[in-house]
Amino acid sequence: MSSPLPALAALFLAVVPATTLAQEKPRLVLQITVDALRGDLPTRYYGNLSDGGLRYLLDKGVHFVDAHHCHANTETVVGHATLATGAKPSAHGMVGNIWFDRVLGRVVYNIEDDAAPLLGEGAGVDADTEIDPTQAAAGTDGRSPRALLVTTFSDELNANTVGRAKAFGVSIKDRGAVTMAGQSGKAFWFSKAKSRFVTSSYYYEAYPEWVNAWNEKALPETFAGTTWELMKPQESYLFSDRDNQPWETDLGGFGITFPHPYTTSQGAFDPLENPYFTTFLTISPAGDDLTASFAKALMDAEELGQDDVADFLSISFSSIDYTGHIFGPSSLESEDTLYRLDQTLADLFSFVDDRIGLDRTLIVLSADHGTTDAPGFLETVGIQTGLVAPDTWDPADQIARLKARFGISGPLLAGYNHPYLNIAPEVLEVPDIDLSELEAAIANELLTFPDVAYAIPSTAIEANLLPDTEIMTLIRNNYHPARSGNIYVVFKPGWFINDFDGLSVTATHGSPWRGDTHVPIIFAGQGIEGQKVARRVCTTSIATTLSALLGTARPNGASGEVLKELID
């Protein structure tokens, strides 16, 4: 008597979709991070999107509409590290863009590394024109992922394939490239000082020829003598009548209305004429265009996705973040930047489809954080908000009272490095001071200032004394004993400090409030059918889900769930 199993197997094969059975691994995992893409922004402008970019992801992908970063400090490196590792800051160690290093006795930048100098002279940070104060805080121009304490998905992919998988990270921002490439990949970022993409000795002894070739094209200089114009007819924009909002920032003559000039004359590129030229590129859609161009050159030169071993490419687009800081998320400039990014993504996906095939590519898009709208804009729609101005605070009486109470003769505080207030190292060395009592006393004094919503002592976190609320959980998730400061400070919802070392910005992020934690998560590409998912998920789930889909070990600090909508 013959077995019925072959017939049953044939029936099974006939009715089950091929994508379920094949379990073929993609040839390329393309992880796209859009800096400061708040979760509502893609759908806010849906009607004006092109067919092949963000609309392709929204229509054809699995879109988690209530995705959030589940940590409190929503800054760039914190979010990128979380997306890469699936870990909370309490595990991956990136608690902020900068932190006070108690061993070195100074503030450090997240990925600085004097043992990994940049390749090439003069490619580091130009303190005279750098608008990012956290970059200027670095003690060296060297960069590496050594401060990242756990593995990334790309690291585990590399280990799983015994080093055969290729992994790269590309971004305008160094921290957006280095964290995503992990410990075993390679990273490239844009040097505003040299107007080219660079890397460090951690990754290479010398630049690959294809990098030199791309840099020699001098594509950034092609923007000299040109202006940033609107991509579409102005009347089609949501913010068509808001091209002159008084709260926007005019940086170095770039202006607050269209057209925005990249150089102050129509002549040849001259960095001496306009030292902010490359900064203008990064605070406009040009930065995303350059990033995509470099990433395409990388894909071709490194032959990504050309064999049966899955490769990994992270591309982090920074322009929406920069335009949000300068003009505000709700501005004509930010709206145009999103439309231009949409077109850039459409071109990128077409390129990938031609070289590899979208049906052999797994795409995941998210953001390192959301953003808070400009107070000026929110006031026009009747929402209470404001700016935190610590220079108007007069803490002299409080400090004097605390010093007298605890017998402190020297300085009490080492400073505020968002989001932590740090006690002076000399005070911490005094043996008879009760640190938990001192931190609690300082926190209580901070709460007397009207802009402060919470002031949380680190000793209270260590002792597990925080109430079981959502905000307290996010703060706890951000705590790392060797890197977090003494007191975590949270300002009122919608309130923030807008002074970046003398540069007044229009809007920022960094809070645990919903506008800053809310980001999109969209998986698309190989074997994925479109659906919207409304349940609350954390961004820590991206790396764990990628690991499940590719069959690798989980990153060693990962805590996120595997998203069942991608596996079932």
Protein backbone atom coordinates (compact mmCIF):
# COMPACT_ATOMS: atom_id res chain seq x y z
CA MET A 1 0.00 0.00 0.00
CA SER A 2 1.48 3.34 -1.03
CA SER A 3 1.90 6.15 1.45
CA PRO A 4 -0.49 9.11 1.20
CA LEU A 5 2.33 11.51 2.22
CA PRO A 6 3.54 12.38 -1.33
CA ALA A 7 0.01 13.29 -2.38
CA LEU A 8 -0.51 15.39 0.73
CA ALA A 9 2.80 17.12 0.12
CA ALA A 10 1.81 17.91 -3.46
CA LEU A 11 -1.50 19.34 -2.27
CA PHE A 12 0.33 21.42 0.33
CA LEU A 13 2.69 22.79 -2.30
CA ALA A 14 -0.22 23.74 -4.50
CA VAL A 15 -2.05 25.85 -1.93
CA VAL A 16 0.70 27.51 0.11
CA PRO A 17 2.20 30.71 -1.33
CA ALA A 18 5.74 30.34 -2.63
CA THR A 19 7.02 33.15 -0.44
CA THR A 20 6.07 31.17 2.65
CA LEU A 21 7.83 28.04 1.48
CA ALA A 22 10.96 29.34 -0.10
CA GLN A 23 12.37 30.92 3.03
CA GLU A 24 15.01 32.37 0.75
CA LYS A 25 17.21 34.88 2.46
CA PRO A 26 17.41 38.27 0.79
CA ARG A 27 20.59 39.23 -0.99
CA LEU A 28 20.58 42.65 0.62
CA VAL A 29 19.21 44.02 3.87
CA LEU A 30 18.74 47.76 3.31
CA GLN A 31 18.18 49.61 6.58
CA ILE A 32 17.10 53.19 6.04
CA THR A 33 17.06 55.65 8.91
CA VAL A 34 15.52 59.06 8.37
CA ASP A 35 16.82 61.36 11.07
CA ALA A 36 13.92 63.06 12.93
CA LEU A 37 11.15 61.53 10.81
CA ARG A 38 8.35 61.75 13.36
CA GLY A 39 5.85 58.94 12.98
CA ASP A 40 3.06 61.08 11.55
CA LEU A 41 5.10 62.89 8.89
CA PRO A 42 4.99 60.34 6.03
CA THR A 43 1.19 60.11 6.19
CA ARG A 44 0.78 63.87 6.78
CA TYR A 45 2.06 64.47 3.25
CA TYR A 46 0.82 61.23 1.66
CA GLY A 47 -1.19 62.95 -1.06
CA ASN A 48 1.92 64.62 -2.50
CA LEU A 49 4.21 61.57 -2.41
CA SER A 50 5.53 59.85 -5.53
CA ASP A 51 4.63 56.26 -6.34
CA GLY A 52 8.07 54.72 -5.89
CA GLY A 53 9.43 56.20 -2.65
CA LEU A 54 7.70 56.59 0.70
CA ARG A 55 4.35 55.73 -0.88
CA TYR A 56 5.81 52.39 -2.03
CA LEU A 57 6.79 51.62 1.57
CA LEU A 58 3.47 52.80 3.01
CA ASP A 59 1.38 50.87 0.46
CA LYS A 60 3.47 47.73 0.01
CA GLY A 61 5.13 47.37 3.40
CA VAL A 62 4.17 46.31 6.90
CA HIS A 63 3.71 49.70 8.56
CA PHE A 64 3.71 49.89 12.37
CA VAL A 65 1.87 53.15 12.98
CA ASP A 66 2.36 53.25 16.77
CA ALA A 67 6.09 52.57 16.99
CA HIS A 68 8.19 54.34 19.61
CA HIS A 69 11.66 54.55 20.98
CA CYS A 70 11.29 53.11 24.46
CA HIS A 71 13.99 55.21 26.09
CA ALA A 72 13.91 58.76 27.37
CA ASN A 73 16.76 60.61 25.65
CA THR A 74 15.66 60.89 22.03
CA GLU A 75 18.95 62.08 20.55
CA THR A 76 20.67 60.93 17.36
CA VAL A 77 23.24 58.45 18.62
CA VAL A 78 20.87 56.96 21.18
CA GLY A 79 18.28 56.16 18.54
CA HIS A 80 20.74 54.90 15.94
CA ALA A 81 22.41 52.60 18.47
CA THR A 82 19.01 51.24 19.49
CA LEU A 83 17.97 50.61 15.88
CA ALA A 84 21.27 48.83 15.21
CA THR A 85 21.46 46.67 18.34
CA GLY A 86 17.90 46.06 19.49
CA ALA A 87 19.16 47.06 22.93
CA LYS A 88 18.17 49.83 25.30
CA PRO A 89 20.72 52.55 26.16
CA SER A 90 21.08 50.85 29.54
CA ALA A 91 22.75 48.01 27.63
CA HIS A 92 24.32 49.56 24.52
CA GLY A 93 25.74 52.45 26.53
CA MET A 94 24.92 55.35 24.20
CA VAL A 95 23.02 57.38 26.79
CA GLY A 96 23.41 60.68 24.93
CA ASN A 97 25.23 62.44 22.15
CA ILE A 98 27.70 63.46 24.85
CA TRP A 99 28.24 62.50 28.46
CA PHE A 100 30.56 63.41 31.32
CA ASP A 101 33.28 60.79 31.61
CA ARG A 102 34.11 60.52 35.29
CA VAL A 103 37.42 58.75 34.62
CA LEU A 104 38.67 61.33 32.13
CA GLY A 105 37.09 64.18 34.04
CA ARG A 106 35.64 65.76 30.89
CA VAL A 107 32.74 65.63 28.49
CA VAL A 108 33.17 63.07 25.70
CA TYR A 109 31.52 62.70 22.30
CA ASN A 110 29.80 59.36 21.80
CA ILE A 111 32.06 57.77 19.14
CA GLU A 112 35.29 59.73 19.62
CA ASP A 113 38.41 57.54 19.63
CA ASP A 114 41.95 58.94 19.55
CA ALA A 115 43.17 55.47 18.53
CA ALA A 116 41.22 55.70 15.25
CA PRO A 117 42.28 58.93 13.50
CA LEU A 118 40.51 60.04 10.35
CA LEU A 119 42.18 59.14 7.08
CA GLY A 120 43.47 62.34 5.52
CA GLU A 121 44.45 65.69 6.94
CA GLY A 122 42.00 68.39 7.96
CA ALA A 123 38.84 66.30 7.67
CA GLY A 124 37.78 66.72 11.29
CA VAL A 125 35.38 69.17 12.90
CA ASP A 126 35.84 72.87 12.13
CA ALA A 127 35.00 74.49 15.45
CA ASP A 128 34.46 77.88 13.78
CA THR A 129 31.57 76.71 11.59
CA GLU A 130 30.26 73.53 13.26
CA ILE A 131 26.62 74.03 14.29
CA ASP A 132 26.45 70.75 16.22
CA PRO A 133 27.87 71.51 19.68
CA THR A 134 28.14 67.82 20.55
CA GLN A 135 30.62 67.28 17.71
CA ALA A 136 32.64 70.27 18.87
CA ALA A 137 32.85 68.69 22.34
CA ALA A 138 34.95 65.77 21.07
CA GLY A 139 38.50 65.62 22.37
CA THR A 140 39.75 64.09 19.11
CA ASP A 141 38.73 63.82 15.46
CA GLY A 142 39.17 60.02 15.61
CA ARG A 143 36.00 57.94 15.31
CA SER A 144 35.14 54.28 15.91
CA PRO A 145 32.37 52.05 17.33
CA ARG A 146 34.46 50.99 20.35
CA ALA A 147 32.17 52.84 22.79
CA LEU A 148 29.20 50.78 21.58
CA LEU A 149 28.99 48.09 24.23
CA VAL A 150 26.98 45.37 22.44
CA THR A 151 26.74 43.81 18.99
CA THR A 152 24.54 45.03 16.15
CA PHE A 153 22.41 43.02 13.75
CA SER A 154 25.10 43.51 11.10
CA ASP A 155 27.71 42.09 13.49
CA GLU A 156 25.61 38.98 14.00
CA LEU A 157 25.01 38.66 10.26
CA ASN A 158 28.77 38.80 9.75
CA ALA A 159 29.35 36.14 12.41
CA ASN A 160 26.59 33.94 11.01
CA THR A 161 28.18 33.94 7.56
CA VAL A 162 31.74 33.50 8.92
CA GLY A 163 32.70 36.92 7.63
CA ARG A 164 31.31 36.51 4.11
CA ALA A 165 28.56 39.09 4.52
CA LYS A 166 29.50 42.68 3.72
CA ALA A 167 28.22 45.42 6.00
CA PHE A 168 28.39 49.19 5.53
CA GLY A 169 26.99 52.33 7.11
CA VAL A 170 26.67 55.66 5.24
CA SER A 171 25.45 59.01 6.57
CA ILE A 172 26.15 62.71 6.59
CA LYS A 173 26.60 62.32 10.37
CA ASP A 174 29.49 60.22 11.69
CA ARG A 175 27.38 58.82 14.52
CA GLY A 176 24.65 57.85 12.04
CA ALA A 177 27.12 55.74 10.06
CA VAL A 178 29.40 54.29 12.74
CA THR A 179 26.71 52.90 15.04
CA MET A 180 24.79 51.20 12.24
CA ALA A 181 27.89 49.57 10.73
CA GLY A 182 28.63 47.99 14.09
CA GLN A 183 31.95 46.61 15.24
CA SER A 184 32.65 44.47 12.15
CA GLY A 185 31.29 46.61 9.30
CA LYS A 186 32.70 49.71 7.64
CA ALA A 187 31.42 53.28 7.89
CA PHE A 188 31.63 56.45 5.83
CA TRP A 189 30.39 59.94 6.67
CA PHE A 190 30.57 63.47 5.26
CA SER A 191 33.34 65.86 6.26
CA LYS A 192 32.05 69.42 6.04
CA ALA A 193 35.63 70.64 6.49
CA LYS A 194 36.81 68.82 3.36
CA SER A 195 33.53 68.51 1.41
CA ARG A 196 33.94 64.76 0.92
CA PHE A 197 33.06 61.43 2.48
CA VAL A 198 35.61 60.13 4.96
CA THR A 199 36.35 57.24 7.28
CA SER A 200 38.87 56.39 9.99
CA SER A 201 41.81 54.07 10.52
CA TYR A 202 39.50 51.75 12.48
CA TYR A 203 38.12 50.63 9.11
CA TYR A 204 40.88 51.13 6.53
CA GLU A 205 44.57 51.89 6.18
CA ALA A 206 43.87 53.85 3.01
CA TYR A 207 40.77 54.88 1.07
CA PRO A 208 39.45 52.38 -1.48
CA GLU A 209 39.89 53.63 -5.03
CA TRP A 210 36.16 53.93 -5.59
CA VAL A 211 35.91 56.35 -2.62
CA ASN A 212 38.69 58.49 -4.07
CA ALA A 213 36.96 58.41 -7.43
CA TRP A 214 33.64 59.56 -5.96
CA ASN A 215 35.31 62.33 -3.96
CA GLU A 216 37.27 63.48 -7.01
CA LYS A 217 34.00 64.14 -8.84
CA ALA A 218 33.52 67.06 -6.38
CA LEU A 219 29.74 66.67 -6.48
CA PRO A 220 29.20 68.99 -3.47
CA GLU A 221 30.84 71.84 -5.40
CA THR A 222 28.26 71.52 -8.18
CA PHE A 223 25.81 73.29 -5.84
CA ALA A 224 27.96 76.45 -5.85
CA GLY A 225 26.19 79.35 -7.48
CA THR A 226 22.82 77.57 -7.26
CA THR A 227 19.82 77.89 -4.97
CA TRP A 228 17.47 75.54 -3.19
CA GLU A 229 14.16 75.93 -5.01
CA LEU A 230 10.79 74.37 -4.31
CA MET A 231 10.35 71.00 -6.02
CA LYS A 232 6.62 71.44 -6.69
CA PRO A 233 4.30 74.40 -7.41
CA GLN A 234 4.09 76.31 -4.13
CA GLU A 235 0.30 76.23 -4.02
CA SER A 236 0.39 72.43 -3.74
CA TYR A 237 2.20 72.50 -0.38
CA LEU A 238 0.47 72.21 2.98
CA PHE A 239 2.63 75.12 4.19
CA SER A 240 2.34 77.11 0.97
CA ASP A 241 1.43 80.33 2.79
CA ARG A 242 4.07 79.98 5.55
CA ASP A 243 7.34 80.74 3.81
CA ASN A 244 8.28 83.58 6.13
CA GLN A 245 7.78 82.38 9.68
CA PRO A 246 9.53 84.78 12.07
CA TRP A 247 10.70 82.05 14.45
CA GLU A 248 12.86 80.35 11.81
CA THR A 249 16.65 80.66 11.96
CA ASP A 250 18.67 82.48 9.31
CA LEU A 251 22.01 80.69 9.47
CA GLY A 252 24.89 82.53 7.82
CA GLY A 253 22.75 84.22 5.19
CA PHE A 254 20.90 81.08 4.03
CA GLY A 255 17.66 82.97 4.67
CA ILE A 256 14.21 81.92 5.85
CA THR A 257 12.39 82.18 2.51
CA PHE A 258 12.76 80.44 -0.85
CA PRO A 259 14.99 80.45 -2.82
CA HIS A 260 17.87 79.67 -0.43
CA PRO A 261 21.33 80.48 -1.88
CA TYR A 262 24.09 77.89 -1.43
CA THR A 263 26.72 80.55 -2.11
CA THR A 264 26.55 84.31 -1.86
CA SER A 265 27.60 84.82 -5.47
CA GLN A 266 26.99 83.02 -8.75
CA GLY A 267 30.71 82.44 -9.29
CA ALA A 268 32.88 79.39 -8.78
CA PHE A 269 32.97 77.58 -5.45
CA ASP A 270 35.10 79.44 -2.94
CA PRO A 271 35.00 78.17 0.66
CA LEU A 272 36.61 81.39 1.85
CA GLU A 273 33.74 83.37 0.39
CA ASN A 274 31.19 81.30 2.32
CA PRO A 275 32.61 79.12 5.13
CA TYR A 276 29.09 77.74 5.72
CA PHE A 277 28.75 76.35 2.18
CA THR A 278 28.98 72.67 3.17
CA THR A 279 26.80 73.33 6.21
CA PHE A 280 24.15 74.76 3.85
CA LEU A 281 24.30 71.49 1.91
CA THR A 282 23.55 69.49 5.06
CA ILE A 283 20.65 71.71 6.20
CA SER A 284 18.94 71.26 2.85
CA PRO A 285 17.93 68.31 0.62
CA ALA A 286 21.40 68.43 -0.99
CA GLY A 287 22.76 66.44 1.96
CA ASP A 288 20.40 63.55 1.25
CA ASP A 289 21.21 63.67 -2.47
CA LEU A 290 24.93 63.37 -1.74
CA THR A 291 24.34 60.53 0.73
CA ALA A 292 22.31 58.54 -1.80
CA SER A 293 24.87 59.15 -4.55
CA PHE A 294 27.70 57.87 -2.38
CA ALA A 295 25.64 54.84 -1.28
CA LYS A 296 24.92 53.89 -4.89
CA ALA A 297 28.63 54.09 -5.73
CA LEU A 298 29.33 51.86 -2.72
CA MET A 299 26.76 49.27 -3.81
CA ASP A 300 28.33 49.00 -7.25
CA ALA A 301 31.96 49.05 -6.14
CA GLU A 302 31.52 46.57 -3.29
CA GLU A 303 29.15 44.38 -5.35
CA LEU A 304 26.48 44.25 -2.65
CA GLY A 305 23.74 41.71 -3.16
CA GLN A 306 25.52 39.92 -6.00
CA ASP A 307 25.70 36.45 -4.45
CA ASP A 308 23.65 34.21 -2.21
CA VAL A 309 25.17 35.59 1.00
CA ALA A 310 23.03 38.44 2.36
CA ASP A 311 24.81 41.77 2.63
CA PHE A 312 23.86 44.74 4.81
CA LEU A 313 23.73 48.44 3.96
CA SER A 314 22.58 51.14 6.33
CA ILE A 315 21.82 54.57 4.88
CA SER A 316 20.98 57.32 7.35
CA PHE A 317 19.49 60.47 5.81
CA SER A 318 20.07 63.58 7.93
CA SER A 319 18.50 66.53 6.09
CA ILE A 320 15.04 66.36 7.66
CA ASP A 321 16.66 66.63 11.08
CA TYR A 322 18.76 69.64 10.11
CA THR A 323 15.92 71.49 8.36
CA GLY A 324 13.74 70.80 11.39
CA HIS A 325 16.30 72.38 13.69
CA ILE A 326 16.74 75.46 11.49
CA PHE A 327 13.24 76.03 10.09
CA GLY A 328 11.01 73.81 12.25
CA PRO A 329 9.30 70.49 11.38
CA SER A 330 6.16 72.38 10.34
CA SER A 331 7.65 74.64 7.69
CA LEU A 332 7.75 74.95 3.93
CA GLU A 333 11.43 73.99 4.00
CA SER A 334 10.85 70.79 5.95
CA GLU A 335 7.91 69.84 3.74
CA ASP A 336 10.00 70.30 0.59
CA THR A 337 12.85 68.32 2.14
CA LEU A 338 10.50 65.40 2.71
CA TYR A 339 9.24 65.51 -0.89
CA ARG A 340 12.79 65.57 -2.18
CA LEU A 341 13.74 62.68 0.11
CA ASP A 342 10.71 60.82 -1.23
CA GLN A 343 12.09 61.27 -4.76
CA THR A 344 15.59 60.29 -3.60
CA LEU A 345 14.17 57.08 -2.13
CA ALA A 346 12.24 56.35 -5.33
CA ASP A 347 15.46 56.69 -7.33
CA LEU A 348 17.33 54.56 -4.79
CA PHE A 349 14.73 51.77 -4.90
CA SER A 350 14.79 51.83 -8.70
CA PHE A 351 18.58 51.52 -8.56
CA VAL A 352 18.35 48.59 -6.14
CA ASP A 353 15.69 46.93 -8.27
CA ASP A 354 17.94 47.21 -11.33
CA ARG A 355 21.10 45.96 -9.59
CA ILE A 356 19.69 43.35 -7.21
CA GLY A 357 15.90 43.23 -7.44
CA LEU A 358 13.48 44.53 -4.85
CA ASP A 359 12.17 40.97 -4.67
CA ARG A 360 15.61 39.95 -3.35
CA THR A 361 15.97 42.93 -0.99
CA LEU A 362 14.61 43.36 2.53
CA ILE A 363 14.01 47.03 3.35
CA VAL A 364 13.34 48.42 6.79
CA LEU A 365 12.77 52.13 7.40
CA SER A 366 12.60 53.91 10.74
CA ALA A 367 13.92 57.03 12.47
CA ASP A 368 16.38 57.68 15.26
CA HIS A 369 13.84 59.94 16.99
CA GLY A 370 10.86 62.15 16.28
CA THR A 371 10.78 65.87 16.86
CA THR A 372 9.02 68.64 18.74
CA ASP A 373 7.39 71.45 16.78
CA ALA A 374 8.59 75.03 17.06
CA PRO A 375 6.88 76.96 19.86
CA GLY A 376 6.06 79.74 17.39
CA PHE A 377 4.15 77.34 15.16
CA LEU A 378 2.34 75.63 18.04
CA GLU A 379 1.17 78.97 19.40
CA THR A 380 -0.44 79.78 16.03
CA VAL A 381 -2.70 76.75 16.44
CA GLY A 382 -3.48 77.43 20.09
CA ILE A 383 -1.12 74.98 21.82
CA GLN A 384 0.73 76.08 24.95
CA THR A 385 4.51 75.75 24.73
CA GLY A 386 7.68 77.72 25.25
CA LEU A 387 11.44 77.81 25.49
CA VAL A 388 13.53 76.85 28.48
CA ALA A 389 15.97 79.62 29.34
CA PRO A 390 18.36 78.44 32.07
CA ASP A 391 20.22 81.75 31.88
CA THR A 392 17.16 83.38 33.46
CA TRP A 393 17.28 81.00 36.40
CA ASP A 394 19.06 82.26 39.50
CA PRO A 395 20.14 79.14 41.38
CA ALA A 396 22.68 80.94 43.56
CA ASP A 397 20.54 80.70 46.71
CA GLN A 398 19.75 77.03 46.13
CA ILE A 399 23.39 76.14 45.51
CA ALA A 400 24.53 78.05 48.57
CA ARG A 401 21.91 76.31 50.69
CA LEU A 402 22.92 72.86 49.39
CA LYS A 403 26.64 73.51 49.91
CA ALA A 404 26.04 74.65 53.47
CA ARG A 405 23.82 71.66 54.22
CA PHE A 406 26.34 69.10 52.93
CA GLY A 407 29.51 70.92 53.93
CA ILE A 408 30.79 71.46 50.38
CA SER A 409 33.42 74.15 49.93
CA GLY A 410 34.23 73.94 46.19
CA PRO A 411 31.99 73.77 43.13
CA LEU A 412 28.85 71.67 43.55
CA LEU A 413 28.10 70.91 39.90
CA ALA A 414 30.19 69.86 36.90
CA GLY A 415 27.54 71.04 34.43
CA TYR A 416 24.52 69.98 32.41
CA ASN A 417 25.03 67.68 29.46
CA HIS A 418 21.63 66.80 28.09
CA PRO A 419 19.77 65.13 29.67
CA TYR A 420 21.92 64.78 32.79
CA LEU A 421 23.03 67.19 35.47
CA ASN A 422 26.41 66.14 36.85
CA ILE A 423 27.76 66.68 40.36
CA ALA A 424 31.38 67.88 40.50
CA PRO A 425 33.82 64.93 40.69
CA GLU A 426 35.49 66.42 43.76
CA VAL A 427 32.20 66.28 45.64
CA LEU A 428 31.71 62.64 44.71
CA GLU A 429 35.06 61.81 46.29
CA VAL A 430 34.08 63.17 49.71
CA PRO A 431 33.60 60.00 51.81
CA ASP A 432 31.05 61.27 54.32
CA ILE A 433 28.54 62.67 51.82
CA ASP A 434 25.41 60.57 51.33
CA LEU A 435 25.11 60.61 47.54
CA SER A 436 21.48 59.53 47.45
CA GLU A 437 20.55 62.30 49.89
CA LEU A 438 22.55 64.88 47.92
CA GLU A 439 21.05 63.87 44.57
CA ALA A 440 17.55 63.95 46.03
CA ALA A 441 18.15 67.41 47.49
CA ILE A 442 19.41 68.76 44.15
CA ALA A 443 16.46 67.16 42.35
CA ASN A 444 14.02 68.82 44.73
CA GLU A 445 15.61 72.21 44.09
CA LEU A 446 15.38 71.67 40.31
CA LEU A 447 11.66 71.04 40.63
CA THR A 448 11.20 74.59 41.91
CA PHE A 449 11.96 75.92 38.41
CA PRO A 450 8.74 76.24 36.37
CA ASP A 451 10.09 74.59 33.20
CA VAL A 452 11.13 71.33 34.90
CA ALA A 453 8.65 68.44 34.91
CA TYR A 454 10.85 65.76 36.47
CA ALA A 455 14.26 65.55 38.10
CA ILE A 456 15.24 61.92 38.72
CA PRO A 457 18.27 60.99 40.87
CA SER A 458 20.40 58.15 39.50
CA THR A 459 20.66 56.64 42.97
CA ALA A 460 16.86 56.32 42.96
CA ILE A 461 17.09 54.42 39.66
CA GLU A 462 19.78 52.11 41.05
CA ALA A 463 17.69 51.44 44.16
CA ASN A 464 14.62 50.70 42.02
CA LEU A 465 12.64 53.43 43.75
CA LEU A 466 10.93 54.95 40.71
CA PRO A 467 7.15 54.64 40.38
CA ASP A 468 5.88 52.27 37.71
CA THR A 469 4.86 54.86 35.11
CA GLU A 470 5.69 55.09 31.42
CA ILE A 471 7.97 58.13 31.73
CA MET A 472 9.88 56.57 34.61
CA THR A 473 10.33 53.36 32.60
CA LEU A 474 11.82 55.34 29.71
CA ILE A 475 14.22 57.10 32.08
CA ARG A 476 15.21 53.79 33.65
CA ASN A 477 15.85 52.32 30.20
CA ASN A 478 18.23 55.20 29.51
CA TYR A 479 20.35 54.62 32.60
CA HIS A 480 23.86 53.21 32.37
CA PRO A 481 25.82 53.27 35.66
CA ALA A 482 29.17 54.23 34.12
CA ARG A 483 27.89 56.92 31.76
CA SER A 484 24.67 58.47 33.02
CA GLY A 485 24.91 61.63 35.06
CA ASN A 486 23.59 62.18 38.55
CA ILE A 487 20.15 63.62 37.81
CA TYR A 488 17.99 63.10 34.74
CA VAL A 489 16.15 66.34 33.92
CA VAL A 490 12.88 66.35 31.95
CA PHE A 491 11.35 69.63 30.82
CA LYS A 492 7.62 70.16 30.41
CA PRO A 493 6.01 68.72 27.25
CA GLY A 494 6.79 70.92 24.27
CA TRP A 495 9.41 72.94 26.14
CA PHE A 496 13.12 72.78 25.29
CA ILE A 497 16.41 74.68 25.36
CA ASN A 498 16.98 76.24 21.93
CA ASP A 499 20.49 77.60 22.51
CA PHE A 500 23.15 75.42 20.85
CA ASP A 501 26.30 77.10 22.14
CA GLY A 502 25.16 80.50 20.91
CA LEU A 503 23.14 79.36 17.88
CA SER A 504 19.42 79.72 18.46
CA VAL A 505 17.61 76.82 16.79
CA THR A 506 13.95 76.80 15.85
CA ALA A 507 13.08 73.34 17.15
CA THR A 508 14.74 70.30 18.65
CA HIS A 509 14.15 66.87 20.19
CA GLY A 510 15.57 64.85 23.07
CA SER A 511 12.58 64.47 25.39
CA PRO A 512 10.62 61.38 26.47
CA TRP A 513 7.37 62.95 25.26
CA ARG A 514 5.41 61.33 22.45
CA GLY A 515 6.39 63.69 19.61
CA ASP A 516 10.02 62.78 20.16
CA THR A 517 9.57 59.02 20.71
CA HIS A 518 7.09 58.37 17.88
CA VAL A 519 8.73 57.07 14.68
CA PRO A 520 7.65 54.91 11.75
CA ILE A 521 8.69 51.29 11.41
CA ILE A 522 8.11 49.88 7.91
CA PHE A 523 9.34 46.56 6.53
CA ALA A 524 9.05 46.08 2.77
CA GLY A 525 10.52 44.09 -0.08
CA GLN A 526 11.08 40.38 -0.43
CA GLY A 527 8.00 38.30 0.40
CA ILE A 528 6.23 41.08 2.30
CA GLU A 529 2.62 42.10 1.70
CA GLY A 530 1.28 45.48 2.75
CA GLN A 531 -0.60 45.96 6.00
CA LYS A 532 -0.99 48.52 8.76
CA VAL A 533 -0.37 47.43 12.34
CA ALA A 534 -1.80 49.56 15.13
CA ARG A 535 -0.36 47.87 18.22
CA ARG A 536 2.35 49.62 20.24
CA VAL A 537 5.85 48.38 19.43
CA CYS A 538 9.37 49.46 20.37
CA THR A 539 12.24 50.18 18.00
CA THR A 540 14.29 47.54 19.81
CA SER A 541 12.23 45.04 17.82
CA ILE A 542 13.84 45.94 14.48
CA ALA A 543 17.20 44.23 15.09
CA THR A 544 15.64 41.17 16.69
CA THR A 545 13.18 40.80 13.82
CA LEU A 546 15.96 41.13 11.23
CA SER A 547 17.87 38.44 13.13
CA ALA A 548 14.84 36.15 13.06
CA LEU A 549 14.25 36.72 9.35
CA LEU A 550 17.91 36.12 8.45
CA GLY A 551 18.39 33.25 10.91
CA THR A 552 21.22 34.86 12.86
CA ALA A 553 21.89 35.00 16.56
CA ARG A 554 20.23 37.93 18.31
CA PRO A 555 22.51 40.90 19.02
CA ASN A 556 23.89 40.17 22.48
CA GLY A 557 22.20 43.10 24.23
CA ALA A 558 18.90 42.96 22.34
CA SER A 559 15.67 43.11 24.32
CA GLY A 560 13.04 43.72 21.64
CA GLU A 561 10.35 41.25 20.63
CA VAL A 562 10.30 39.60 17.22
CA LEU A 563 7.52 41.30 15.27
CA LYS A 564 5.08 38.46 14.61
CA GLU A 565 3.55 40.21 11.60
CA LEU A 566 6.82 39.58 9.72
CA ILE A 567 7.24 35.96 10.84
CA ASP A 568 3.77 34.40 11.03
